[in-house]
Amino acid sequence: MHTNAIRKLKPLAQTRFLNLYDAEYENKKGMTKHWMIASRKDYDTLSTQYFHKGEEKTDAVVIAALHKESNKLVLIKQFRLPLNDYIYELPAGLIDPNETPETTLGRELKEETGLELVSLVKAQDKLYLSAGMTDESVCLMYCICTGEVSIDYLEADEDIEPFLVSREDAEKLLQSGEKLDIKTYLLLQSFVKLGSALFTE
């Protein structure tokens, strides 16, 4: 049986945060085909991963945070250029070269929401966001946080409003028709059903 496999990888565009590649592969019938791949990884890293069994490193963290004092879920509303609109999301961020997912968690939580990390409850590594388009993987991290939401730590290009939602607020948001990131949609559903029990081992 013939299995699909990438034979060649050609860089099409290389930027600081995102790269575009043309992947030549053979399908199960032995036909040569092409697929466009968006990746956070540079050419050397991705080609080593594909052709030489290099380590696949996680690109980013996604933060599912419960606010300790209020027992509410932490969300952000962020302007996203590909949508040319605002969308409800979970706090998230890329893992810098000198960081672990744990250090990224604390840094991004503070930057995007102003909140302080209290404890990491659980984490699931190597989850994929849109595998038909990109190899981007994330570590989904459930945590407890404290403090007051703030926009004082945002970077210049970030247009983010952080806020806290109760189970009732979460249910209303699910029914609102607002733009929702799929990770956020699924977490909101779980939070409505389970509440803070979602943030236990």
N, C-alpha and C. Protein backbone atom coordinates (compact mmCIF):
# COMPACT_ATOMS: atom_id res chain seq x y z
N MET A 1 0.85 -1.20 0.00
CA MET A 1 0.00 0.00 0.00
C MET A 1 0.87 1.24 0.00
N HIS A 2 0.56 2.20 -0.86
CA HIS A 2 1.32 3.44 -0.96
C HIS A 2 0.76 4.47 0.01
N THR A 3 1.62 5.10 0.79
CA THR A 3 1.17 6.12 1.73
C THR A 3 1.63 7.49 1.28
N ASN A 4 0.80 8.49 1.53
CA ASN A 4 1.17 9.86 1.20
C ASN A 4 2.40 10.26 2.00
N ALA A 5 3.35 10.92 1.34
CA ALA A 5 4.54 11.38 2.04
C ALA A 5 5.16 12.54 1.28
N ILE A 6 5.65 13.51 2.03
CA ILE A 6 6.32 14.66 1.41
C ILE A 6 7.68 14.24 0.89
N ARG A 7 7.95 14.60 -0.37
CA ARG A 7 9.24 14.29 -1.01
C ARG A 7 10.16 15.49 -1.06
N LYS A 8 9.58 16.68 -1.30
CA LYS A 8 10.37 17.90 -1.41
C LYS A 8 9.63 19.04 -0.70
N LEU A 9 10.41 19.98 -0.20
CA LEU A 9 9.85 21.14 0.48
C LEU A 9 10.51 22.39 -0.07
N LYS A 10 9.69 23.31 -0.58
CA LYS A 10 10.22 24.54 -1.19
C LYS A 10 9.68 25.76 -0.45
N PRO A 11 10.58 26.61 0.08
CA PRO A 11 10.11 27.84 0.73
C PRO A 11 9.53 28.81 -0.28
N LEU A 12 8.37 29.38 0.04
CA LEU A 12 7.74 30.38 -0.83
C LEU A 12 7.79 31.78 -0.21
N ALA A 13 7.66 31.84 1.10
CA ALA A 13 7.73 33.13 1.81
C ALA A 13 8.23 32.87 3.23
N GLN A 14 9.17 33.70 3.68
CA GLN A 14 9.74 33.54 5.01
C GLN A 14 9.60 34.86 5.75
N THR A 15 8.90 34.84 6.88
CA THR A 15 8.76 36.03 7.70
C THR A 15 9.15 35.68 9.14
N ARG A 16 9.10 36.66 10.01
CA ARG A 16 9.51 36.43 11.39
C ARG A 16 8.62 35.42 12.12
N PHE A 17 7.32 35.51 11.89
CA PHE A 17 6.38 34.68 12.65
C PHE A 17 5.70 33.58 11.84
N LEU A 18 5.76 33.67 10.51
CA LEU A 18 5.04 32.70 9.69
C LEU A 18 5.75 32.48 8.37
N ASN A 19 5.78 31.22 7.93
CA ASN A 19 6.44 30.86 6.68
C ASN A 19 5.47 30.04 5.83
N LEU A 20 5.66 30.14 4.51
CA LEU A 20 4.81 29.42 3.56
C LEU A 20 5.67 28.52 2.69
N TYR A 21 5.24 27.26 2.57
CA TYR A 21 6.01 26.26 1.82
C TYR A 21 5.13 25.56 0.78
N ASP A 22 5.78 25.14 -0.31
CA ASP A 22 5.17 24.24 -1.28
C ASP A 22 5.73 22.86 -1.00
N ALA A 23 4.86 21.93 -0.62
CA ALA A 23 5.28 20.56 -0.34
C ALA A 23 4.90 19.66 -1.52
N GLU A 24 5.90 19.03 -2.11
CA GLU A 24 5.64 18.05 -3.16
C GLU A 24 5.53 16.67 -2.52
N TYR A 25 4.46 15.97 -2.84
CA TYR A 25 4.26 14.66 -2.22
C TYR A 25 3.67 13.69 -3.24
N GLU A 26 3.69 12.42 -2.90
CA GLU A 26 3.04 11.39 -3.70
C GLU A 26 1.82 10.91 -2.95
N ASN A 27 0.69 10.85 -3.65
CA ASN A 27 -0.52 10.35 -2.99
C ASN A 27 -0.54 8.82 -3.02
N LYS A 28 -1.60 8.22 -2.50
CA LYS A 28 -1.64 6.77 -2.36
C LYS A 28 -1.66 6.02 -3.68
N LYS A 29 -1.93 6.75 -4.78
CA LYS A 29 -1.92 6.12 -6.10
C LYS A 29 -0.60 6.38 -6.84
N GLY A 30 0.36 6.99 -6.12
CA GLY A 30 1.67 7.23 -6.72
C GLY A 30 1.75 8.48 -7.57
N MET A 31 0.72 9.32 -7.53
CA MET A 31 0.71 10.56 -8.31
C MET A 31 1.43 11.67 -7.55
N THR A 32 2.23 12.47 -8.27
CA THR A 32 2.91 13.60 -7.66
C THR A 32 1.95 14.77 -7.54
N LYS A 33 1.83 15.32 -6.34
CA LYS A 33 0.91 16.41 -6.06
C LYS A 33 1.64 17.50 -5.26
N HIS A 34 0.95 18.64 -5.08
CA HIS A 34 1.52 19.75 -4.31
C HIS A 34 0.51 20.23 -3.26
N TRP A 35 1.03 20.67 -2.11
CA TRP A 35 0.20 21.17 -1.02
C TRP A 35 0.89 22.38 -0.40
N MET A 36 0.10 23.40 -0.11
CA MET A 36 0.64 24.59 0.55
C MET A 36 0.57 24.40 2.06
N ILE A 37 1.69 24.69 2.73
CA ILE A 37 1.78 24.54 4.18
C ILE A 37 2.24 25.85 4.80
N ALA A 38 1.49 26.34 5.78
CA ALA A 38 1.91 27.48 6.60
C ALA A 38 2.52 26.92 7.87
N SER A 39 3.66 27.48 8.28
CA SER A 39 4.36 26.96 9.45
C SER A 39 5.03 28.08 10.24
N ARG A 40 5.12 27.90 11.54
CA ARG A 40 5.89 28.80 12.39
C ARG A 40 7.38 28.51 12.28
N LYS A 41 7.73 27.36 11.73
CA LYS A 41 9.12 26.89 11.72
C LYS A 41 9.86 27.35 10.46
N ASP A 42 11.16 27.64 10.62
CA ASP A 42 11.97 28.00 9.47
C ASP A 42 12.27 26.75 8.63
N TYR A 43 12.85 26.98 7.46
CA TYR A 43 13.05 25.87 6.51
C TYR A 43 13.92 24.76 7.09
N ASP A 44 15.04 25.14 7.71
CA ASP A 44 15.95 24.12 8.24
C ASP A 44 15.27 23.26 9.30
N THR A 45 14.53 23.89 10.18
CA THR A 45 13.85 23.16 11.25
C THR A 45 12.78 22.22 10.69
N LEU A 46 11.98 22.73 9.77
CA LEU A 46 10.88 21.91 9.23
C LEU A 46 11.41 20.77 8.35
N SER A 47 12.40 21.04 7.52
CA SER A 47 12.95 19.99 6.66
C SER A 47 13.64 18.90 7.49
N THR A 48 14.31 19.30 8.57
CA THR A 48 14.92 18.31 9.46
C THR A 48 13.84 17.45 10.11
N GLN A 49 12.74 18.06 10.49
CA GLN A 49 11.63 17.32 11.09
C GLN A 49 11.02 16.35 10.09
N TYR A 50 10.81 16.79 8.86
CA TYR A 50 10.17 15.95 7.84
C TYR A 50 11.06 14.82 7.34
N PHE A 51 12.33 15.15 7.06
CA PHE A 51 13.17 14.21 6.31
C PHE A 51 14.24 13.51 7.15
N HIS A 52 14.49 14.00 8.36
CA HIS A 52 15.55 13.41 9.18
C HIS A 52 15.08 13.10 10.61
N LYS A 53 13.77 12.99 10.79
CA LYS A 53 13.18 12.64 12.08
C LYS A 53 13.63 13.57 13.20
N GLY A 54 13.71 14.85 12.88
CA GLY A 54 14.07 15.84 13.89
C GLY A 54 12.94 16.02 14.90
N GLU A 55 13.30 16.54 16.05
CA GLU A 55 12.31 16.76 17.11
C GLU A 55 11.26 17.78 16.67
N GLU A 56 10.01 17.46 16.94
CA GLU A 56 8.92 18.39 16.64
C GLU A 56 8.63 19.22 17.89
N LYS A 57 8.95 20.50 17.83
CA LYS A 57 8.77 21.36 18.99
C LYS A 57 7.41 22.05 18.94
N THR A 58 6.82 22.20 20.11
CA THR A 58 5.52 22.87 20.23
C THR A 58 5.70 24.36 19.95
N ASP A 59 4.78 24.94 19.19
CA ASP A 59 4.91 26.34 18.76
C ASP A 59 4.40 27.34 19.78
N ALA A 60 3.32 27.00 20.48
CA ALA A 60 2.64 28.02 21.28
C ALA A 60 1.92 27.40 22.47
N VAL A 61 1.46 28.27 23.35
CA VAL A 61 0.60 27.83 24.45
C VAL A 61 -0.77 28.47 24.27
N VAL A 62 -1.80 27.74 24.67
CA VAL A 62 -3.16 28.26 24.77
C VAL A 62 -3.57 28.12 26.23
N ILE A 63 -4.11 29.20 26.81
CA ILE A 63 -4.29 29.27 28.25
C ILE A 63 -5.76 29.22 28.63
N ALA A 64 -6.13 28.15 29.34
CA ALA A 64 -7.46 28.04 29.94
C ALA A 64 -7.28 28.40 31.41
N ALA A 65 -7.71 29.60 31.79
CA ALA A 65 -7.43 30.11 33.13
C ALA A 65 -8.70 30.37 33.92
N LEU A 66 -8.68 29.94 35.17
CA LEU A 66 -9.78 30.22 36.10
C LEU A 66 -9.30 31.27 37.10
N HIS A 67 -10.07 32.35 37.23
CA HIS A 67 -9.73 33.43 38.15
C HIS A 67 -10.09 32.99 39.57
N LYS A 68 -9.09 32.97 40.44
CA LYS A 68 -9.24 32.41 41.78
C LYS A 68 -10.31 33.11 42.61
N GLU A 69 -10.29 34.42 42.65
CA GLU A 69 -11.19 35.17 43.52
C GLU A 69 -12.65 35.12 43.05
N SER A 70 -12.87 35.19 41.77
CA SER A 70 -14.24 35.27 41.24
C SER A 70 -14.80 33.94 40.76
N ASN A 71 -13.91 32.92 40.60
CA ASN A 71 -14.33 31.62 40.07
C ASN A 71 -14.86 31.76 38.64
N LYS A 72 -14.29 32.71 37.89
CA LYS A 72 -14.71 32.95 36.51
C LYS A 72 -13.62 32.57 35.52
N LEU A 73 -14.05 32.32 34.30
CA LEU A 73 -13.14 31.96 33.21
C LEU A 73 -12.54 33.23 32.60
N VAL A 74 -11.26 33.16 32.24
CA VAL A 74 -10.57 34.30 31.63
C VAL A 74 -10.65 34.20 30.11
N LEU A 75 -11.21 35.23 29.48
CA LEU A 75 -11.28 35.30 28.02
C LEU A 75 -10.67 36.61 27.54
N ILE A 76 -10.38 36.65 26.25
CA ILE A 76 -9.99 37.91 25.62
C ILE A 76 -10.83 38.11 24.36
N LYS A 77 -11.01 39.36 24.00
CA LYS A 77 -11.62 39.71 22.72
C LYS A 77 -10.53 40.44 21.95
N GLN A 78 -10.12 39.86 20.82
CA GLN A 78 -8.94 40.35 20.12
C GLN A 78 -9.24 40.66 18.65
N PHE A 79 -8.66 41.75 18.15
CA PHE A 79 -8.79 42.06 16.72
C PHE A 79 -7.80 41.20 15.97
N ARG A 80 -8.32 40.45 14.98
CA ARG A 80 -7.49 39.57 14.16
C ARG A 80 -7.54 40.03 12.71
N LEU A 81 -6.40 40.35 12.16
CA LEU A 81 -6.33 40.89 10.80
C LEU A 81 -6.92 39.96 9.74
N PRO A 82 -6.68 38.65 9.76
CA PRO A 82 -7.28 37.79 8.73
C PRO A 82 -8.80 37.86 8.71
N LEU A 83 -9.42 38.18 9.84
CA LEU A 83 -10.88 38.32 9.90
C LEU A 83 -11.31 39.76 9.68
N ASN A 84 -10.38 40.70 9.87
CA ASN A 84 -10.68 42.14 9.88
C ASN A 84 -11.81 42.44 10.86
N ASP A 85 -11.73 41.76 12.01
CA ASP A 85 -12.80 41.87 13.00
C ASP A 85 -12.29 41.35 14.34
N TYR A 86 -13.09 41.54 15.37
CA TYR A 86 -12.78 41.02 16.69
C TYR A 86 -13.34 39.61 16.85
N ILE A 87 -12.65 38.81 17.66
CA ILE A 87 -13.08 37.44 17.92
C ILE A 87 -12.77 37.10 19.37
N TYR A 88 -13.65 36.31 19.99
CA TYR A 88 -13.41 35.86 21.35
C TYR A 88 -12.45 34.68 21.34
N GLU A 89 -11.43 34.76 22.19
CA GLU A 89 -10.39 33.75 22.22
C GLU A 89 -9.97 33.48 23.67
N LEU A 90 -9.10 32.48 23.81
CA LEU A 90 -8.37 32.26 25.06
C LEU A 90 -7.03 32.97 24.94
N PRO A 91 -6.47 33.44 26.05
CA PRO A 91 -5.12 34.00 25.99
C PRO A 91 -4.17 32.95 25.40
N ALA A 92 -3.18 33.41 24.64
CA ALA A 92 -2.26 32.47 23.98
C ALA A 92 -1.02 33.22 23.55
N GLY A 93 0.00 32.46 23.18
CA GLY A 93 1.21 33.11 22.67
C GLY A 93 2.26 32.11 22.23
N LEU A 94 3.16 32.57 21.38
CA LEU A 94 4.24 31.73 20.88
C LEU A 94 5.28 31.49 21.96
N ILE A 95 5.85 30.30 21.94
CA ILE A 95 6.93 29.95 22.86
C ILE A 95 8.24 30.48 22.28
N ASP A 96 8.89 31.37 22.98
CA ASP A 96 10.17 31.91 22.53
C ASP A 96 11.25 30.84 22.60
N PRO A 97 12.34 31.01 21.82
CA PRO A 97 13.40 29.97 21.77
C PRO A 97 13.99 29.61 23.13
N ASN A 98 14.05 30.56 24.05
CA ASN A 98 14.66 30.30 25.36
C ASN A 98 13.64 29.93 26.43
N GLU A 99 12.41 29.64 26.02
CA GLU A 99 11.34 29.41 26.99
C GLU A 99 10.86 27.96 27.00
N THR A 100 10.22 27.60 28.10
CA THR A 100 9.43 26.38 28.20
C THR A 100 7.96 26.78 28.11
N PRO A 101 7.05 25.83 27.88
CA PRO A 101 5.63 26.19 27.91
C PRO A 101 5.21 26.84 29.23
N GLU A 102 5.81 26.42 30.33
CA GLU A 102 5.45 26.96 31.63
C GLU A 102 5.84 28.44 31.76
N THR A 103 7.03 28.80 31.28
CA THR A 103 7.43 30.21 31.36
C THR A 103 6.62 31.07 30.39
N THR A 104 6.29 30.51 29.24
CA THR A 104 5.44 31.24 28.29
C THR A 104 4.06 31.48 28.88
N LEU A 105 3.54 30.50 29.59
CA LEU A 105 2.23 30.62 30.23
C LEU A 105 2.17 31.85 31.12
N GLY A 106 3.11 31.99 32.03
CA GLY A 106 3.11 33.14 32.93
C GLY A 106 3.29 34.45 32.22
N ARG A 107 4.19 34.48 31.23
CA ARG A 107 4.46 35.71 30.49
C ARG A 107 3.26 36.17 29.68
N GLU A 108 2.66 35.25 28.94
CA GLU A 108 1.53 35.62 28.08
C GLU A 108 0.27 35.94 28.88
N LEU A 109 0.05 35.22 29.96
CA LEU A 109 -1.10 35.52 30.80
C LEU A 109 -1.01 36.96 31.33
N LYS A 110 0.17 37.34 31.80
CA LYS A 110 0.37 38.69 32.32
C LYS A 110 0.23 39.72 31.20
N GLU A 111 0.84 39.44 30.05
CA GLU A 111 0.85 40.40 28.95
C GLU A 111 -0.54 40.67 28.40
N GLU A 112 -1.32 39.61 28.20
CA GLU A 112 -2.62 39.76 27.53
C GLU A 112 -3.77 40.08 28.48
N THR A 113 -3.61 39.77 29.76
CA THR A 113 -4.72 39.98 30.69
C THR A 113 -4.37 40.79 31.93
N GLY A 114 -3.09 40.92 32.24
CA GLY A 114 -2.67 41.60 33.47
C GLY A 114 -2.72 40.71 34.69
N LEU A 115 -3.15 39.46 34.52
CA LEU A 115 -3.32 38.55 35.66
C LEU A 115 -2.03 37.78 35.96
N GLU A 116 -1.92 37.34 37.21
CA GLU A 116 -0.74 36.61 37.67
C GLU A 116 -1.06 35.12 37.80
N LEU A 117 -0.13 34.30 37.35
CA LEU A 117 -0.28 32.85 37.47
C LEU A 117 -0.14 32.42 38.93
N VAL A 118 -1.09 31.62 39.41
CA VAL A 118 -1.01 31.03 40.74
C VAL A 118 -0.46 29.62 40.66
N SER A 119 -1.08 28.81 39.78
CA SER A 119 -0.63 27.42 39.65
C SER A 119 -1.07 26.83 38.31
N LEU A 120 -0.25 25.92 37.82
CA LEU A 120 -0.60 25.14 36.64
C LEU A 120 -1.31 23.87 37.11
N VAL A 121 -2.52 23.64 36.60
CA VAL A 121 -3.32 22.50 37.03
C VAL A 121 -3.01 21.27 36.19
N LYS A 122 -3.05 21.44 34.88
CA LYS A 122 -2.77 20.34 33.95
C LYS A 122 -2.46 20.91 32.59
N ALA A 123 -1.80 20.10 31.76
CA ALA A 123 -1.44 20.55 30.41
C ALA A 123 -1.49 19.38 29.44
N GLN A 124 -1.88 19.69 28.22
CA GLN A 124 -1.87 18.69 27.15
C GLN A 124 -1.06 19.25 25.99
N ASP A 125 0.06 18.60 25.71
CA ASP A 125 0.97 19.08 24.67
C ASP A 125 0.61 18.49 23.31
N LYS A 126 1.16 19.12 22.26
CA LYS A 126 1.04 18.66 20.87
C LYS A 126 -0.41 18.51 20.42
N LEU A 127 -1.16 19.59 20.53
CA LEU A 127 -2.50 19.66 19.96
C LEU A 127 -2.45 20.55 18.73
N TYR A 128 -3.17 20.17 17.69
CA TYR A 128 -3.07 20.84 16.39
C TYR A 128 -4.32 21.66 16.11
N LEU A 129 -4.14 22.80 15.45
CA LEU A 129 -5.21 23.78 15.30
C LEU A 129 -5.96 23.67 13.97
N SER A 130 -5.23 23.46 12.90
CA SER A 130 -5.87 23.38 11.58
C SER A 130 -4.94 22.61 10.65
N ALA A 131 -4.91 21.28 10.83
CA ALA A 131 -3.89 20.44 10.21
C ALA A 131 -3.97 20.38 8.69
N GLY A 132 -5.07 20.82 8.10
CA GLY A 132 -5.15 20.88 6.64
C GLY A 132 -4.38 22.05 6.06
N MET A 133 -3.99 23.00 6.91
CA MET A 133 -3.32 24.21 6.44
C MET A 133 -1.96 24.44 7.08
N THR A 134 -1.80 24.02 8.35
CA THR A 134 -0.58 24.34 9.08
C THR A 134 -0.17 23.21 10.01
N ASP A 135 1.14 23.15 10.30
CA ASP A 135 1.66 22.17 11.25
C ASP A 135 1.68 22.74 12.67
N GLU A 136 1.16 23.95 12.87
CA GLU A 136 1.24 24.61 14.17
C GLU A 136 0.63 23.73 15.27
N SER A 137 1.39 23.58 16.35
CA SER A 137 0.92 22.81 17.49
C SER A 137 0.97 23.67 18.75
N VAL A 138 0.10 23.35 19.70
CA VAL A 138 0.03 24.12 20.93
C VAL A 138 0.02 23.20 22.13
N CYS A 139 0.37 23.77 23.27
CA CYS A 139 0.20 23.12 24.56
C CYS A 139 -0.98 23.81 25.24
N LEU A 140 -2.05 23.06 25.48
CA LEU A 140 -3.23 23.61 26.16
C LEU A 140 -3.00 23.49 27.66
N MET A 141 -2.99 24.64 28.36
CA MET A 141 -2.60 24.68 29.76
C MET A 141 -3.75 25.21 30.62
N TYR A 142 -4.20 24.39 31.55
CA TYR A 142 -5.23 24.78 32.50
C TYR A 142 -4.54 25.33 33.75
N CYS A 143 -4.95 26.51 34.20
CA CYS A 143 -4.27 27.12 35.33
C CYS A 143 -5.23 27.95 36.18
N ILE A 144 -4.74 28.30 37.36
CA ILE A 144 -5.44 29.21 38.27
C ILE A 144 -4.67 30.52 38.29
N CYS A 145 -5.38 31.64 38.26
CA CYS A 145 -4.73 32.94 38.25
C CYS A 145 -5.38 33.88 39.26
N THR A 146 -4.74 35.01 39.47
CA THR A 146 -5.24 35.98 40.44
C THR A 146 -4.97 37.39 39.94
N GLY A 147 -5.60 38.37 40.60
CA GLY A 147 -5.36 39.77 40.27
C GLY A 147 -6.53 40.41 39.55
N GLU A 148 -6.26 41.58 38.96
CA GLU A 148 -7.27 42.32 38.22
C GLU A 148 -6.89 42.40 36.75
N VAL A 149 -7.90 42.25 35.87
CA VAL A 149 -7.61 42.32 34.44
C VAL A 149 -7.13 43.72 34.07
N SER A 150 -6.20 43.75 33.11
CA SER A 150 -5.58 45.03 32.73
C SER A 150 -5.07 44.94 31.30
N ILE A 151 -5.06 46.09 30.62
CA ILE A 151 -4.48 46.16 29.27
C ILE A 151 -3.13 46.88 29.30
N ASP A 152 -2.57 47.08 30.48
CA ASP A 152 -1.34 47.86 30.63
C ASP A 152 -0.10 47.17 30.09
N TYR A 153 -0.17 45.85 29.86
CA TYR A 153 1.03 45.10 29.47
C TYR A 153 1.01 44.65 28.01
N LEU A 154 0.04 45.12 27.24
CA LEU A 154 -0.08 44.71 25.84
C LEU A 154 1.03 45.30 24.98
N GLU A 155 1.41 44.55 23.94
CA GLU A 155 2.35 45.06 22.95
C GLU A 155 1.62 46.04 22.03
N ALA A 156 2.40 46.83 21.30
CA ALA A 156 1.83 47.90 20.47
C ALA A 156 0.84 47.39 19.43
N ASP A 157 1.10 46.21 18.87
CA ASP A 157 0.24 45.68 17.81
C ASP A 157 -0.93 44.86 18.34
N GLU A 158 -1.02 44.69 19.64
CA GLU A 158 -2.10 43.88 20.21
C GLU A 158 -3.30 44.75 20.56
N ASP A 159 -4.44 44.39 20.00
CA ASP A 159 -5.71 45.06 20.29
C ASP A 159 -6.58 44.04 21.02
N ILE A 160 -6.46 44.01 22.34
CA ILE A 160 -7.06 42.96 23.16
C ILE A 160 -7.84 43.56 24.32
N GLU A 161 -9.03 43.01 24.55
CA GLU A 161 -9.80 43.34 25.75
C GLU A 161 -9.94 42.07 26.58
N PRO A 162 -9.31 42.01 27.77
CA PRO A 162 -9.47 40.85 28.64
C PRO A 162 -10.67 41.01 29.55
N PHE A 163 -11.32 39.91 29.88
CA PHE A 163 -12.45 39.98 30.79
C PHE A 163 -12.72 38.62 31.41
N LEU A 164 -13.54 38.60 32.45
CA LEU A 164 -13.88 37.38 33.17
C LEU A 164 -15.34 37.02 32.91
N VAL A 165 -15.62 35.73 32.73
CA VAL A 165 -16.99 35.30 32.47
C VAL A 165 -17.44 34.23 33.46
N SER A 166 -18.63 34.39 33.97
CA SER A 166 -19.26 33.38 34.83
C SER A 166 -19.84 32.28 33.94
N ARG A 167 -20.37 31.24 34.56
CA ARG A 167 -21.01 30.17 33.79
C ARG A 167 -22.22 30.71 33.03
N GLU A 168 -22.94 31.63 33.67
CA GLU A 168 -24.12 32.23 33.02
C GLU A 168 -23.67 33.09 31.82
N ASP A 169 -22.60 33.87 32.01
CA ASP A 169 -22.07 34.68 30.92
C ASP A 169 -21.62 33.80 29.76
N ALA A 170 -20.99 32.68 30.11
CA ALA A 170 -20.48 31.76 29.10
C ALA A 170 -21.63 31.20 28.26
N GLU A 171 -22.72 30.85 28.90
CA GLU A 171 -23.87 30.32 28.18
C GLU A 171 -24.46 31.38 27.24
N LYS A 172 -24.53 32.61 27.70
CA LYS A 172 -25.04 33.70 26.86
C LYS A 172 -24.13 33.94 25.66
N LEU A 173 -22.81 33.88 25.90
CA LEU A 173 -21.86 34.11 24.81
C LEU A 173 -21.97 33.02 23.75
N LEU A 174 -22.18 31.79 24.18
CA LEU A 174 -22.34 30.68 23.23
C LEU A 174 -23.56 30.88 22.33
N GLN A 175 -24.57 31.56 22.84
CA GLN A 175 -25.81 31.75 22.08
C GLN A 175 -25.88 33.12 21.39
N SER A 176 -24.82 33.89 21.50
CA SER A 176 -24.85 35.29 21.05
C SER A 176 -24.68 35.48 19.55
N GLY A 177 -24.07 34.51 18.87
CA GLY A 177 -23.77 34.69 17.46
C GLY A 177 -22.48 35.45 17.21
N GLU A 178 -21.76 35.80 18.28
CA GLU A 178 -20.47 36.49 18.15
C GLU A 178 -19.43 35.54 17.56
N LYS A 179 -18.39 36.10 16.96
CA LYS A 179 -17.30 35.28 16.44
C LYS A 179 -16.53 34.64 17.59
N LEU A 180 -16.39 33.32 17.52
CA LEU A 180 -15.70 32.55 18.55
C LEU A 180 -14.63 31.66 17.94
N ASP A 181 -13.45 31.69 18.51
CA ASP A 181 -12.42 30.71 18.20
C ASP A 181 -12.91 29.33 18.65
N ILE A 182 -12.60 28.28 17.89
CA ILE A 182 -13.17 26.97 18.20
C ILE A 182 -12.70 26.43 19.55
N LYS A 183 -11.45 26.72 19.94
CA LYS A 183 -10.96 26.29 21.25
C LYS A 183 -11.77 26.95 22.36
N THR A 184 -12.06 28.22 22.15
CA THR A 184 -12.85 28.97 23.12
C THR A 184 -14.28 28.43 23.19
N TYR A 185 -14.85 28.14 22.04
CA TYR A 185 -16.21 27.59 21.99
C TYR A 185 -16.31 26.29 22.79
N LEU A 186 -15.34 25.39 22.59
CA LEU A 186 -15.38 24.11 23.29
C LEU A 186 -15.14 24.27 24.79
N LEU A 187 -14.24 25.18 25.15
CA LEU A 187 -13.99 25.41 26.57
C LEU A 187 -15.20 26.04 27.25
N LEU A 188 -15.84 26.98 26.57
CA LEU A 188 -17.05 27.58 27.12
C LEU A 188 -18.12 26.53 27.37
N GLN A 189 -18.31 25.61 26.43
CA GLN A 189 -19.28 24.53 26.60
C GLN A 189 -18.97 23.70 27.84
N SER A 190 -17.68 23.35 28.00
CA SER A 190 -17.27 22.55 29.15
C SER A 190 -17.44 23.32 30.45
N PHE A 191 -17.13 24.62 30.41
CA PHE A 191 -17.24 25.44 31.61
C PHE A 191 -18.70 25.58 32.05
N VAL A 192 -19.60 25.71 31.08
CA VAL A 192 -21.04 25.79 31.41
C VAL A 192 -21.48 24.52 32.12
N LYS A 193 -20.99 23.37 31.67
CA LYS A 193 -21.43 22.10 32.25
C LYS A 193 -20.74 21.79 33.58
N LEU A 194 -19.43 22.11 33.67
CA LEU A 194 -18.64 21.65 34.81
C LEU A 194 -18.20 22.74 35.77
N GLY A 195 -18.20 23.99 35.34
CA GLY A 195 -17.74 25.08 36.20
C GLY A 195 -16.29 24.90 36.59
N SER A 196 -15.95 25.24 37.82
CA SER A 196 -14.55 25.19 38.28
C SER A 196 -14.01 23.76 38.37
N ALA A 197 -14.91 22.76 38.35
CA ALA A 197 -14.44 21.36 38.36
C ALA A 197 -13.58 21.05 37.14
N LEU A 198 -13.73 21.86 36.10
CA LEU A 198 -12.90 21.71 34.90
C LEU A 198 -11.43 21.95 35.20
N PHE A 199 -11.16 22.66 36.27
CA PHE A 199 -9.79 23.03 36.61
C PHE A 199 -9.24 22.21 37.77
N THR A 200 -9.59 20.93 37.80
CA THR A 200 -9.03 20.00 38.76
C THR A 200 -8.34 18.88 38.01
N GLU A 201 -7.42 18.23 38.67
CA GLU A 201 -6.65 17.14 38.04
C GLU A 201 -7.59 16.00 37.65
